[in-house]
């Protein structure tokens, strides 16, 4: 990955695949834009911000950038988010070149993040092998059966291993988004973002919801 200047916005990519949960995709996009606003409000026009891009699976199975909040060349993704699925699981031939795209970004130093059913795409990439991940509690047995080399802990809402972050249920994109804001823009901006959006920044556990 090209060396980033302090004024260059950190870029977060969000994968858009068939039947992905669009509310999570748009919600994360809005959250990161709010975080950039809060960063500028706290520290002025030269404050660090977040650049958001969407990476869409094309009809021919390739992956291409479909949206970018900033103009000009990119210095590479700091994080790539695999969002939840609304219905069909992101596995097999229907996801085309996405597993290879995810692996390639990881090799470039990008932190790979999955939410809920996005864990299947992470598993398909091979990057979760030998690791412990979380996903929605209803997927635990299916993932454990399908991918024998992956440990699943659905009691936890968020598991951060540095280069890979996994989040649990469908709305856990909120927790993941705040985690990335905290990592890239700092705790003060994260808390200001949570206050602005009226969401709880406190740590939770998925086990509260599975009973």
N, C-alpha and C. Protein backbone atom coordinates (compact mmCIF):
# COMPACT_ATOMS: atom_id res chain seq x y z
N UNK A 1 0.84 -1.19 0.00
CA UNK A 1 0.00 0.00 0.00
C UNK A 1 0.88 1.25 0.00
N UNK A 2 0.51 2.23 -0.81
CA UNK A 2 1.27 3.46 -0.90
C UNK A 2 1.24 4.21 0.43
N UNK A 3 2.36 4.82 0.81
CA UNK A 3 2.42 5.57 2.06
C UNK A 3 1.44 6.73 2.02
N UNK A 4 0.70 6.89 3.08
CA UNK A 4 -0.36 7.89 3.16
C UNK A 4 0.12 9.13 3.92
N UNK A 5 -0.18 10.31 3.37
CA UNK A 5 0.14 11.54 4.08
C UNK A 5 -0.89 11.76 5.18
N UNK A 6 -0.54 12.59 6.15
CA UNK A 6 -1.44 12.82 7.28
C UNK A 6 -2.73 13.51 6.83
N UNK A 7 -2.71 14.22 5.69
CA UNK A 7 -3.90 14.93 5.23
C UNK A 7 -4.76 14.07 4.31
N UNK A 8 -4.27 12.92 3.89
CA UNK A 8 -5.01 12.05 2.99
C UNK A 8 -6.09 11.30 3.77
N UNK A 9 -7.36 11.40 3.32
CA UNK A 9 -8.41 10.69 4.06
C UNK A 9 -8.23 9.17 4.00
N UNK A 10 -8.45 8.51 5.11
CA UNK A 10 -8.39 7.05 5.15
C UNK A 10 -9.60 6.50 4.39
N UNK A 11 -9.36 5.56 3.49
CA UNK A 11 -10.45 5.04 2.66
C UNK A 11 -10.99 3.73 3.23
N UNK A 12 -12.30 3.68 3.39
CA UNK A 12 -13.00 2.46 3.77
C UNK A 12 -13.87 2.02 2.61
N UNK A 13 -13.69 0.79 2.16
CA UNK A 13 -14.50 0.24 1.09
C UNK A 13 -15.62 -0.61 1.66
N UNK A 14 -16.77 -0.60 0.98
CA UNK A 14 -17.91 -1.44 1.36
C UNK A 14 -18.30 -2.27 0.15
N UNK A 15 -18.37 -3.58 0.32
CA UNK A 15 -18.71 -4.48 -0.78
C UNK A 15 -20.23 -4.49 -0.98
N UNK A 16 -20.65 -4.39 -2.23
CA UNK A 16 -22.07 -4.46 -2.59
C UNK A 16 -22.27 -5.71 -3.45
N UNK A 17 -22.93 -6.71 -2.87
CA UNK A 17 -23.18 -7.96 -3.59
C UNK A 17 -24.68 -8.22 -3.63
N UNK A 18 -25.17 -9.11 -4.49
CA UNK A 18 -26.61 -9.35 -4.59
C UNK A 18 -27.22 -9.76 -3.26
N UNK A 19 -28.31 -9.11 -2.89
CA UNK A 19 -29.09 -9.35 -1.68
C UNK A 19 -28.36 -8.91 -0.41
N UNK A 20 -27.32 -8.11 -0.55
CA UNK A 20 -26.71 -7.52 0.63
C UNK A 20 -27.69 -6.54 1.27
N UNK A 21 -27.57 -6.35 2.57
CA UNK A 21 -28.48 -5.48 3.31
C UNK A 21 -28.12 -4.02 3.02
N UNK A 22 -28.95 -3.38 2.20
CA UNK A 22 -28.64 -2.03 1.76
C UNK A 22 -28.71 -1.02 2.90
N UNK A 23 -29.54 -1.28 3.91
CA UNK A 23 -29.59 -0.35 5.04
C UNK A 23 -28.25 -0.30 5.76
N UNK A 24 -27.54 -1.43 5.82
CA UNK A 24 -26.21 -1.45 6.44
C UNK A 24 -25.21 -0.70 5.57
N UNK A 25 -25.28 -0.92 4.27
CA UNK A 25 -24.35 -0.25 3.35
C UNK A 25 -24.53 1.26 3.41
N UNK A 26 -25.76 1.72 3.34
CA UNK A 26 -26.02 3.16 3.38
C UNK A 26 -25.80 3.71 4.79
N UNK A 27 -26.15 2.91 5.82
CA UNK A 27 -25.95 3.38 7.18
C UNK A 27 -24.49 3.59 7.51
N UNK A 28 -23.63 2.66 7.09
CA UNK A 28 -22.19 2.81 7.30
C UNK A 28 -21.65 4.01 6.53
N UNK A 29 -22.13 4.17 5.30
CA UNK A 29 -21.70 5.32 4.50
C UNK A 29 -22.05 6.63 5.21
N UNK A 30 -23.27 6.72 5.71
CA UNK A 30 -23.69 7.93 6.43
C UNK A 30 -22.89 8.12 7.71
N UNK A 31 -22.65 7.03 8.45
CA UNK A 31 -21.91 7.15 9.70
C UNK A 31 -20.52 7.70 9.46
N UNK A 32 -19.83 7.20 8.45
CA UNK A 32 -18.47 7.67 8.19
C UNK A 32 -18.46 9.12 7.72
N UNK A 33 -19.50 9.55 7.02
CA UNK A 33 -19.59 10.95 6.62
C UNK A 33 -19.86 11.84 7.83
N UNK A 34 -20.70 11.37 8.74
CA UNK A 34 -20.94 12.11 9.98
C UNK A 34 -19.64 12.21 10.78
N UNK A 35 -18.89 11.11 10.84
CA UNK A 35 -17.62 11.11 11.58
C UNK A 35 -16.64 12.12 10.99
N UNK A 36 -16.59 12.22 9.67
CA UNK A 36 -15.72 13.21 9.04
C UNK A 36 -16.15 14.63 9.41
N UNK A 37 -17.46 14.85 9.42
CA UNK A 37 -17.98 16.16 9.83
C UNK A 37 -17.58 16.48 11.25
N UNK A 38 -17.70 15.50 12.15
CA UNK A 38 -17.35 15.72 13.55
C UNK A 38 -15.85 15.97 13.71
N UNK A 39 -15.04 15.29 12.91
CA UNK A 39 -13.60 15.49 12.96
C UNK A 39 -13.22 16.91 12.57
N UNK A 40 -13.83 17.40 11.49
CA UNK A 40 -13.56 18.76 11.04
C UNK A 40 -14.07 19.77 12.07
N UNK A 41 -15.23 19.51 12.65
CA UNK A 41 -15.79 20.42 13.65
C UNK A 41 -14.89 20.53 14.87
N UNK A 42 -14.24 19.42 15.23
CA UNK A 42 -13.37 19.43 16.40
C UNK A 42 -12.00 20.03 16.12
N UNK A 43 -11.47 19.76 14.91
CA UNK A 43 -10.06 20.10 14.67
C UNK A 43 -9.80 20.98 13.46
N UNK A 44 -10.85 21.40 12.75
CA UNK A 44 -10.64 22.30 11.63
C UNK A 44 -10.55 21.58 10.30
N UNK A 45 -10.39 22.37 9.25
CA UNK A 45 -10.44 21.85 7.89
C UNK A 45 -9.37 20.85 7.53
N UNK A 46 -8.25 20.84 8.24
CA UNK A 46 -7.17 19.90 7.95
C UNK A 46 -7.29 18.62 8.78
N UNK A 47 -8.37 18.46 9.49
CA UNK A 47 -8.55 17.28 10.34
C UNK A 47 -8.67 16.02 9.49
N UNK A 48 -8.26 14.86 10.01
CA UNK A 48 -8.40 13.61 9.26
C UNK A 48 -9.86 13.30 8.99
N UNK A 49 -10.12 12.72 7.82
CA UNK A 49 -11.47 12.36 7.43
C UNK A 49 -11.47 10.94 6.88
N UNK A 50 -12.66 10.46 6.52
CA UNK A 50 -12.81 9.12 5.96
C UNK A 50 -13.35 9.23 4.54
N UNK A 51 -12.69 8.55 3.64
CA UNK A 51 -13.14 8.43 2.26
C UNK A 51 -13.89 7.10 2.13
N UNK A 52 -15.10 7.13 1.56
CA UNK A 52 -15.91 5.92 1.46
C UNK A 52 -16.08 5.52 0.01
N UNK A 53 -15.81 4.25 -0.27
CA UNK A 53 -16.03 3.73 -1.62
C UNK A 53 -16.88 2.48 -1.56
N UNK A 54 -17.68 2.26 -2.61
CA UNK A 54 -18.46 1.04 -2.74
C UNK A 54 -17.87 0.19 -3.86
N UNK A 55 -17.78 -1.10 -3.62
CA UNK A 55 -17.20 -2.05 -4.57
C UNK A 55 -18.26 -3.06 -4.93
N UNK A 56 -18.73 -3.01 -6.19
CA UNK A 56 -19.91 -3.76 -6.59
C UNK A 56 -19.55 -4.96 -7.46
N UNK A 57 -20.22 -6.08 -7.17
CA UNK A 57 -20.08 -7.26 -8.01
C UNK A 57 -20.83 -7.03 -9.31
N UNK A 58 -20.12 -7.12 -10.43
CA UNK A 58 -20.71 -6.88 -11.74
C UNK A 58 -21.37 -8.15 -12.28
N UNK A 59 -22.16 -7.97 -13.33
CA UNK A 59 -22.87 -9.11 -13.92
C UNK A 59 -21.92 -10.17 -14.46
N UNK A 60 -20.71 -9.76 -14.88
CA UNK A 60 -19.75 -10.74 -15.41
C UNK A 60 -18.91 -11.38 -14.31
N UNK A 61 -19.23 -11.08 -13.04
CA UNK A 61 -18.52 -11.69 -11.93
C UNK A 61 -17.31 -10.93 -11.43
N UNK A 62 -16.94 -9.85 -12.10
CA UNK A 62 -15.80 -9.04 -11.66
C UNK A 62 -16.26 -8.04 -10.60
N UNK A 63 -15.29 -7.37 -9.99
CA UNK A 63 -15.58 -6.39 -8.94
C UNK A 63 -15.05 -5.03 -9.39
N UNK A 64 -15.89 -4.00 -9.27
CA UNK A 64 -15.48 -2.66 -9.70
C UNK A 64 -15.99 -1.62 -8.72
N UNK A 65 -15.26 -0.51 -8.61
CA UNK A 65 -15.71 0.59 -7.74
C UNK A 65 -16.92 1.26 -8.38
N UNK A 66 -17.98 1.39 -7.59
CA UNK A 66 -19.22 1.97 -8.10
C UNK A 66 -19.56 3.32 -7.46
N UNK A 67 -18.86 3.66 -6.37
CA UNK A 67 -19.10 4.95 -5.71
C UNK A 67 -17.86 5.36 -4.97
N UNK A 68 -17.60 6.66 -4.92
CA UNK A 68 -16.44 7.19 -4.20
C UNK A 68 -16.80 8.59 -3.72
N UNK A 69 -16.65 8.85 -2.44
CA UNK A 69 -17.01 10.16 -1.90
C UNK A 69 -15.95 11.22 -2.17
N UNK A 70 -14.77 10.82 -2.64
CA UNK A 70 -13.70 11.76 -2.91
C UNK A 70 -13.18 11.59 -4.33
N UNK A 71 -12.71 12.69 -4.89
CA UNK A 71 -12.11 12.64 -6.22
C UNK A 71 -10.61 12.39 -6.10
N UNK A 72 -10.00 12.05 -7.21
CA UNK A 72 -8.56 11.85 -7.24
C UNK A 72 -8.16 10.42 -6.99
N UNK A 73 -6.89 10.12 -7.21
CA UNK A 73 -6.40 8.74 -7.05
C UNK A 73 -6.47 8.28 -5.60
N UNK A 74 -6.67 7.00 -5.44
CA UNK A 74 -6.74 6.41 -4.10
C UNK A 74 -5.39 5.83 -3.73
N UNK A 75 -5.05 5.91 -2.44
CA UNK A 75 -3.82 5.32 -1.94
C UNK A 75 -4.05 3.92 -1.36
N UNK A 76 -5.27 3.40 -1.57
CA UNK A 76 -5.57 2.05 -1.10
C UNK A 76 -6.51 2.06 0.08
N UNK A 77 -7.14 0.92 0.30
CA UNK A 77 -8.14 0.79 1.35
C UNK A 77 -7.50 0.53 2.70
N UNK A 78 -7.94 1.26 3.71
CA UNK A 78 -7.55 0.96 5.08
C UNK A 78 -8.38 -0.19 5.63
N UNK A 79 -9.66 -0.24 5.21
CA UNK A 79 -10.56 -1.31 5.66
C UNK A 79 -11.54 -1.63 4.54
N UNK A 80 -11.98 -2.89 4.51
CA UNK A 80 -12.98 -3.34 3.56
C UNK A 80 -14.07 -4.07 4.34
N UNK A 81 -15.32 -3.64 4.17
CA UNK A 81 -16.44 -4.19 4.94
C UNK A 81 -17.28 -5.12 4.08
N UNK A 82 -17.54 -6.32 4.59
CA UNK A 82 -18.42 -7.29 3.96
C UNK A 82 -19.74 -7.23 4.72
N UNK A 83 -20.77 -6.60 4.16
CA UNK A 83 -22.00 -6.32 4.91
C UNK A 83 -22.88 -7.55 5.09
N UNK A 84 -23.95 -7.42 5.90
CA UNK A 84 -24.87 -8.54 6.08
C UNK A 84 -25.61 -8.87 4.79
N UNK A 85 -26.21 -10.05 4.78
CA UNK A 85 -27.05 -10.45 3.65
C UNK A 85 -28.50 -10.44 4.08
N UNK A 86 -29.38 -10.07 3.17
CA UNK A 86 -30.81 -10.04 3.46
C UNK A 86 -31.44 -11.41 3.31
N UNK A 87 -30.90 -12.22 2.40
CA UNK A 87 -31.51 -13.53 2.15
C UNK A 87 -30.45 -14.53 1.71
N UNK A 88 -30.15 -14.56 0.41
CA UNK A 88 -29.22 -15.56 -0.13
C UNK A 88 -27.82 -15.37 0.44
N UNK A 89 -27.18 -16.48 0.80
CA UNK A 89 -25.85 -16.43 1.37
C UNK A 89 -24.81 -16.12 0.29
N UNK A 90 -23.81 -15.29 0.62
CA UNK A 90 -22.76 -14.95 -0.36
C UNK A 90 -21.72 -16.07 -0.46
N UNK A 91 -22.11 -17.16 -1.13
CA UNK A 91 -21.23 -18.31 -1.29
C UNK A 91 -21.34 -18.84 -2.72
N UNK A 92 -20.34 -19.62 -3.12
CA UNK A 92 -20.40 -20.31 -4.41
C UNK A 92 -20.19 -19.41 -5.62
N UNK A 93 -20.68 -19.88 -6.75
CA UNK A 93 -20.45 -19.20 -8.03
C UNK A 93 -21.11 -17.84 -8.10
N UNK A 94 -22.18 -17.63 -7.33
CA UNK A 94 -22.93 -16.37 -7.42
C UNK A 94 -22.13 -15.17 -6.95
N UNK A 95 -21.02 -15.38 -6.23
CA UNK A 95 -20.24 -14.24 -5.74
C UNK A 95 -19.00 -13.99 -6.59
N UNK A 96 -18.86 -14.72 -7.70
CA UNK A 96 -17.83 -14.41 -8.68
C UNK A 96 -16.43 -14.24 -8.10
N UNK A 97 -15.81 -13.11 -8.44
CA UNK A 97 -14.42 -12.84 -8.07
C UNK A 97 -14.28 -12.22 -6.68
N UNK A 98 -15.38 -12.11 -5.92
CA UNK A 98 -15.31 -11.43 -4.63
C UNK A 98 -14.32 -12.07 -3.65
N UNK A 99 -14.28 -13.41 -3.50
CA UNK A 99 -13.30 -13.97 -2.56
C UNK A 99 -11.86 -13.61 -2.92
N UNK A 100 -11.53 -13.66 -4.21
CA UNK A 100 -10.19 -13.26 -4.64
C UNK A 100 -9.93 -11.79 -4.40
N UNK A 101 -10.93 -10.95 -4.61
CA UNK A 101 -10.79 -9.52 -4.36
C UNK A 101 -10.52 -9.26 -2.88
N UNK A 102 -11.23 -9.97 -2.01
CA UNK A 102 -11.03 -9.81 -0.56
C UNK A 102 -9.62 -10.24 -0.17
N UNK A 103 -9.17 -11.37 -0.70
CA UNK A 103 -7.80 -11.84 -0.40
C UNK A 103 -6.76 -10.84 -0.87
N UNK A 104 -6.96 -10.32 -2.06
CA UNK A 104 -6.00 -9.36 -2.63
C UNK A 104 -5.90 -8.11 -1.76
N UNK A 105 -7.04 -7.60 -1.30
CA UNK A 105 -7.02 -6.40 -0.45
C UNK A 105 -6.32 -6.69 0.88
N UNK A 106 -6.56 -7.88 1.44
CA UNK A 106 -5.90 -8.25 2.69
C UNK A 106 -4.39 -8.31 2.50
N UNK A 107 -3.94 -8.85 1.38
CA UNK A 107 -2.51 -8.92 1.10
C UNK A 107 -1.89 -7.54 0.98
N UNK A 108 -2.68 -6.55 0.61
CA UNK A 108 -2.20 -5.17 0.48
C UNK A 108 -2.19 -4.42 1.81
N UNK A 109 -2.62 -5.11 2.88
CA UNK A 109 -2.61 -4.48 4.19
C UNK A 109 -3.95 -3.94 4.65
N UNK A 110 -5.02 -4.25 3.91
CA UNK A 110 -6.35 -3.78 4.27
C UNK A 110 -6.93 -4.63 5.38
N UNK A 111 -7.55 -3.99 6.37
CA UNK A 111 -8.27 -4.71 7.41
C UNK A 111 -9.61 -5.17 6.84
N UNK A 112 -9.88 -6.47 6.92
CA UNK A 112 -11.12 -7.03 6.38
C UNK A 112 -12.13 -7.16 7.52
N UNK A 113 -13.34 -6.65 7.29
CA UNK A 113 -14.38 -6.63 8.31
C UNK A 113 -15.65 -7.29 7.77
N UNK A 114 -16.24 -8.17 8.56
CA UNK A 114 -17.51 -8.77 8.15
C UNK A 114 -18.57 -8.48 9.20
N UNK A 115 -19.82 -8.43 8.73
CA UNK A 115 -20.96 -8.24 9.62
C UNK A 115 -21.99 -9.33 9.31
N UNK A 116 -22.46 -10.04 10.35
CA UNK A 116 -23.54 -11.01 10.20
C UNK A 116 -23.23 -12.00 9.07
N UNK A 117 -24.09 -12.11 8.07
CA UNK A 117 -23.90 -13.05 6.97
C UNK A 117 -22.71 -12.75 6.09
N UNK A 118 -22.12 -11.56 6.22
CA UNK A 118 -20.89 -11.26 5.50
C UNK A 118 -19.76 -12.19 5.89
N UNK A 119 -19.93 -12.89 7.03
CA UNK A 119 -18.92 -13.85 7.48
C UNK A 119 -18.75 -15.00 6.49
N UNK A 120 -19.80 -15.32 5.74
CA UNK A 120 -19.68 -16.37 4.73
C UNK A 120 -18.71 -15.95 3.63
N UNK A 121 -18.78 -14.70 3.22
CA UNK A 121 -17.86 -14.20 2.21
C UNK A 121 -16.44 -14.19 2.75
N UNK A 122 -16.28 -13.83 4.01
CA UNK A 122 -14.96 -13.91 4.65
C UNK A 122 -14.46 -15.35 4.64
N UNK A 123 -15.33 -16.29 4.98
CA UNK A 123 -14.96 -17.70 4.99
C UNK A 123 -14.60 -18.18 3.58
N UNK A 124 -15.36 -17.76 2.58
CA UNK A 124 -15.09 -18.16 1.20
C UNK A 124 -13.73 -17.66 0.72
N UNK A 125 -13.28 -16.55 1.29
CA UNK A 125 -11.97 -16.01 0.90
C UNK A 125 -10.81 -16.82 1.46
N UNK A 126 -11.09 -17.65 2.46
CA UNK A 126 -10.04 -18.43 3.11
C UNK A 126 -9.32 -17.72 4.23
N UNK A 127 -9.62 -16.44 4.46
CA UNK A 127 -8.88 -15.66 5.44
C UNK A 127 -9.27 -15.98 6.88
N UNK A 128 -10.42 -16.63 7.06
CA UNK A 128 -10.87 -16.94 8.42
C UNK A 128 -10.36 -18.30 8.90
N UNK A 129 -9.67 -19.02 8.06
CA UNK A 129 -9.18 -20.36 8.43
C UNK A 129 -8.28 -20.28 9.65
N UNK A 130 -8.54 -21.11 10.64
CA UNK A 130 -7.74 -21.14 11.85
C UNK A 130 -8.04 -20.02 12.83
N UNK A 131 -9.05 -19.22 12.55
CA UNK A 131 -9.38 -18.08 13.41
C UNK A 131 -10.70 -18.31 14.12
N UNK A 132 -10.96 -17.46 15.10
CA UNK A 132 -12.26 -17.41 15.75
C UNK A 132 -12.99 -16.17 15.26
N UNK A 133 -14.21 -16.36 14.75
CA UNK A 133 -14.99 -15.25 14.22
C UNK A 133 -16.35 -15.23 14.91
N UNK A 134 -17.06 -14.13 14.75
CA UNK A 134 -18.44 -14.07 15.19
C UNK A 134 -19.33 -13.74 14.00
N UNK A 135 -20.60 -14.08 14.13
CA UNK A 135 -21.61 -13.80 13.11
C UNK A 135 -22.95 -13.83 13.83
N UNK A 136 -24.04 -13.73 13.11
CA UNK A 136 -25.35 -13.84 13.74
C UNK A 136 -25.49 -15.22 14.35
N UNK A 137 -26.07 -15.30 15.55
CA UNK A 137 -26.15 -16.58 16.27
C UNK A 137 -26.86 -17.67 15.47
N UNK A 138 -27.78 -17.29 14.57
CA UNK A 138 -28.50 -18.29 13.80
C UNK A 138 -27.64 -18.96 12.73
N UNK A 139 -26.47 -18.36 12.42
CA UNK A 139 -25.57 -18.93 11.41
C UNK A 139 -24.49 -19.83 12.01
N UNK A 140 -24.42 -19.91 13.33
CA UNK A 140 -23.29 -20.58 13.98
C UNK A 140 -23.10 -22.03 13.50
N UNK A 141 -24.15 -22.83 13.56
CA UNK A 141 -24.02 -24.24 13.20
C UNK A 141 -23.72 -24.42 11.72
N UNK A 142 -24.35 -23.62 10.88
CA UNK A 142 -24.15 -23.76 9.44
C UNK A 142 -22.71 -23.44 9.05
N UNK A 143 -22.15 -22.37 9.62
CA UNK A 143 -20.77 -22.01 9.32
C UNK A 143 -19.82 -23.07 9.87
N UNK A 144 -20.09 -23.54 11.09
CA UNK A 144 -19.23 -24.56 11.69
C UNK A 144 -19.23 -25.84 10.87
N UNK A 145 -20.39 -26.21 10.29
CA UNK A 145 -20.47 -27.41 9.47
C UNK A 145 -19.83 -27.22 8.10
N UNK A 146 -20.00 -26.03 7.54
CA UNK A 146 -19.52 -25.78 6.17
C UNK A 146 -18.02 -25.51 6.14
N UNK A 147 -17.49 -24.88 7.19
CA UNK A 147 -16.08 -24.51 7.23
C UNK A 147 -15.47 -25.07 8.52
N UNK A 148 -14.96 -26.28 8.44
CA UNK A 148 -14.50 -26.99 9.63
C UNK A 148 -13.27 -26.34 10.27
N UNK A 149 -12.54 -25.52 9.53
CA UNK A 149 -11.32 -24.92 10.05
C UNK A 149 -11.56 -23.55 10.69
N UNK A 150 -12.83 -23.18 10.88
CA UNK A 150 -13.17 -21.88 11.47
C UNK A 150 -13.88 -22.10 12.80
N UNK A 151 -13.44 -21.39 13.82
CA UNK A 151 -14.12 -21.42 15.12
C UNK A 151 -15.11 -20.25 15.18
N UNK A 152 -16.31 -20.53 15.67
CA UNK A 152 -17.36 -19.52 15.72
C UNK A 152 -17.76 -19.27 17.17
N UNK A 153 -17.73 -18.01 17.59
CA UNK A 153 -18.12 -17.62 18.95
C UNK A 153 -19.20 -16.55 18.83
N UNK A 154 -20.46 -16.97 18.85
CA UNK A 154 -21.55 -16.01 18.66
C UNK A 154 -22.00 -15.36 19.96
N UNK A 155 -21.33 -15.66 21.07
CA UNK A 155 -21.62 -14.91 22.30
C UNK A 155 -21.10 -13.48 22.20
N UNK A 156 -20.08 -13.30 21.40
CA UNK A 156 -19.44 -11.99 21.29
C UNK A 156 -20.01 -11.21 20.10
N UNK A 157 -20.22 -9.93 20.32
CA UNK A 157 -20.78 -9.08 19.27
C UNK A 157 -19.70 -8.61 18.31
N UNK A 158 -18.46 -8.50 18.78
CA UNK A 158 -17.37 -7.99 17.95
C UNK A 158 -16.08 -8.71 18.34
N UNK A 159 -15.36 -9.20 17.35
CA UNK A 159 -14.04 -9.80 17.57
C UNK A 159 -13.04 -9.06 16.69
N UNK A 160 -12.08 -8.41 17.33
CA UNK A 160 -11.08 -7.60 16.63
C UNK A 160 -9.73 -8.29 16.72
N UNK A 161 -9.24 -8.81 15.59
CA UNK A 161 -7.92 -9.41 15.53
C UNK A 161 -6.92 -8.53 14.79
N UNK A 162 -7.24 -7.26 14.68
CA UNK A 162 -6.33 -6.33 14.03
C UNK A 162 -6.52 -6.29 12.53
N UNK A 163 -6.11 -7.34 11.84
CA UNK A 163 -6.23 -7.38 10.39
C UNK A 163 -7.59 -7.89 9.94
N UNK A 164 -8.33 -8.53 10.84
CA UNK A 164 -9.68 -9.01 10.55
C UNK A 164 -10.57 -8.68 11.75
N UNK A 165 -11.72 -8.05 11.46
CA UNK A 165 -12.71 -7.74 12.49
C UNK A 165 -14.03 -8.36 12.05
N UNK A 166 -14.66 -9.12 12.95
CA UNK A 166 -15.97 -9.69 12.64
C UNK A 166 -17.00 -9.18 13.64
N UNK A 167 -18.21 -8.91 13.13
CA UNK A 167 -19.29 -8.40 13.96
C UNK A 167 -20.48 -9.34 13.83
N UNK A 168 -21.30 -9.41 14.89
CA UNK A 168 -22.32 -10.43 15.00
C UNK A 168 -23.58 -10.20 14.19
N UNK A 169 -24.65 -9.75 14.85
CA UNK A 169 -25.96 -9.69 14.23
C UNK A 169 -26.11 -8.63 13.16
N UNK A 170 -27.30 -8.61 12.57
CA UNK A 170 -27.57 -7.77 11.40
C UNK A 170 -27.30 -6.29 11.66
N UNK A 171 -27.61 -5.81 12.88
CA UNK A 171 -27.39 -4.40 13.19
C UNK A 171 -26.03 -4.13 13.81
N UNK A 172 -25.19 -5.14 13.89
CA UNK A 172 -23.85 -4.96 14.47
C UNK A 172 -22.95 -4.10 13.59
N UNK A 173 -23.46 -3.71 12.40
CA UNK A 173 -22.69 -2.77 11.58
C UNK A 173 -22.48 -1.45 12.34
N UNK A 174 -23.39 -1.14 13.26
CA UNK A 174 -23.24 0.08 14.06
C UNK A 174 -22.00 -0.03 14.94
N UNK A 175 -21.85 -1.17 15.61
CA UNK A 175 -20.69 -1.38 16.49
C UNK A 175 -19.39 -1.40 15.69
N UNK A 176 -19.43 -2.06 14.53
CA UNK A 176 -18.24 -2.10 13.67
C UNK A 176 -17.88 -0.70 13.18
N UNK A 177 -18.89 0.05 12.74
CA UNK A 177 -18.62 1.39 12.25
C UNK A 177 -17.97 2.27 13.30
N UNK A 178 -18.49 2.22 14.53
CA UNK A 178 -17.90 3.01 15.61
C UNK A 178 -16.48 2.54 15.93
N UNK A 179 -16.25 1.23 15.85
CA UNK A 179 -14.90 0.70 16.07
C UNK A 179 -13.92 1.28 15.05
N UNK A 180 -14.32 1.34 13.79
CA UNK A 180 -13.44 1.86 12.74
C UNK A 180 -13.24 3.37 12.89
N UNK A 181 -14.29 4.08 13.26
CA UNK A 181 -14.15 5.52 13.49
C UNK A 181 -13.16 5.77 14.62
N UNK A 182 -13.29 4.99 15.70
CA UNK A 182 -12.37 5.12 16.84
C UNK A 182 -10.94 4.85 16.39
N UNK A 183 -10.75 3.83 15.58
CA UNK A 183 -9.40 3.46 15.13
C UNK A 183 -8.80 4.52 14.21
N UNK A 184 -9.60 5.09 13.32
CA UNK A 184 -9.07 5.98 12.29
C UNK A 184 -9.10 7.46 12.67
N UNK A 185 -10.10 7.86 13.45
CA UNK A 185 -10.26 9.29 13.77
C UNK A 185 -10.15 9.59 15.25
N UNK A 186 -10.11 8.57 16.10
CA UNK A 186 -9.92 8.79 17.52
C UNK A 186 -11.20 8.68 18.33
N UNK A 187 -11.03 8.48 19.64
CA UNK A 187 -12.17 8.25 20.53
C UNK A 187 -13.08 9.45 20.63
N UNK A 188 -12.52 10.67 20.66
CA UNK A 188 -13.36 11.87 20.78
C UNK A 188 -14.31 11.98 19.60
N UNK A 189 -13.80 11.72 18.39
CA UNK A 189 -14.65 11.79 17.20
C UNK A 189 -15.68 10.66 17.22
N UNK A 190 -15.27 9.48 17.67
CA UNK A 190 -16.21 8.35 17.75
C UNK A 190 -17.37 8.68 18.68
N UNK A 191 -17.05 9.23 19.86
CA UNK A 191 -18.10 9.57 20.82
C UNK A 191 -19.00 10.68 20.30
N UNK A 192 -18.42 11.65 19.61
CA UNK A 192 -19.22 12.73 19.03
C UNK A 192 -20.13 12.19 17.94
N UNK A 193 -19.64 11.22 17.16
CA UNK A 193 -20.45 10.60 16.12
C UNK A 193 -21.62 9.85 16.73
N UNK A 194 -21.36 9.09 17.81
CA UNK A 194 -22.41 8.35 18.49
C UNK A 194 -23.47 9.30 19.06
N UNK A 195 -23.02 10.40 19.65
CA UNK A 195 -23.97 11.37 20.20
C UNK A 195 -24.82 11.98 19.08
N UNK A 196 -24.19 12.33 17.98
CA UNK A 196 -24.90 12.96 16.87
C UNK A 196 -25.96 12.03 16.30
N UNK A 197 -25.62 10.74 16.19
CA UNK A 197 -26.53 9.76 15.61
C UNK A 197 -27.44 9.12 16.66
N UNK A 198 -27.24 9.49 17.94
CA UNK A 198 -28.02 8.97 19.06
C UNK A 198 -27.97 7.44 19.08
N UNK A 199 -26.76 6.91 19.15
CA UNK A 199 -26.56 5.47 19.24
C UNK A 199 -25.62 5.19 20.42
N UNK A 200 -25.72 3.98 20.94
CA UNK A 200 -24.98 3.60 22.13
C UNK A 200 -23.58 3.14 21.75
N UNK A 201 -22.53 3.83 22.23
CA UNK A 201 -21.17 3.40 21.91
C UNK A 201 -20.63 2.35 22.86
N UNK A 202 -21.43 1.93 23.86
CA UNK A 202 -20.95 1.00 24.87
C UNK A 202 -20.83 -0.42 24.33
N UNK A 203 -19.91 -1.19 24.93
CA UNK A 203 -19.72 -2.58 24.53
C UNK A 203 -20.93 -3.41 24.94
N UNK A 204 -21.33 -4.32 24.03
CA UNK A 204 -22.45 -5.22 24.31
C UNK A 204 -22.03 -6.64 23.97
N UNK A 205 -22.90 -7.58 24.29
CA UNK A 205 -22.65 -8.99 23.98
C UNK A 205 -23.85 -9.54 23.23
N UNK A 206 -23.61 -10.34 22.19
CA UNK A 206 -24.68 -10.89 21.38
C UNK A 206 -25.52 -11.90 22.16
N UNK A 207 -24.92 -12.50 23.20
CA UNK A 207 -25.64 -13.51 23.96
C UNK A 207 -26.89 -12.93 24.62
N UNK A 208 -26.94 -11.60 24.80
CA UNK A 208 -28.12 -10.99 25.39
C UNK A 208 -29.34 -11.17 24.50
N UNK A 209 -29.12 -11.32 23.19
CA UNK A 209 -30.22 -11.30 22.24
C UNK A 209 -30.62 -12.68 21.74
N UNK A 210 -29.84 -13.71 22.01
CA UNK A 210 -30.08 -15.03 21.43
C UNK A 210 -31.01 -15.89 22.27
N UNK A 211 -31.34 -15.43 23.49
CA UNK A 211 -32.27 -16.22 24.33
C UNK A 211 -33.70 -16.02 23.88
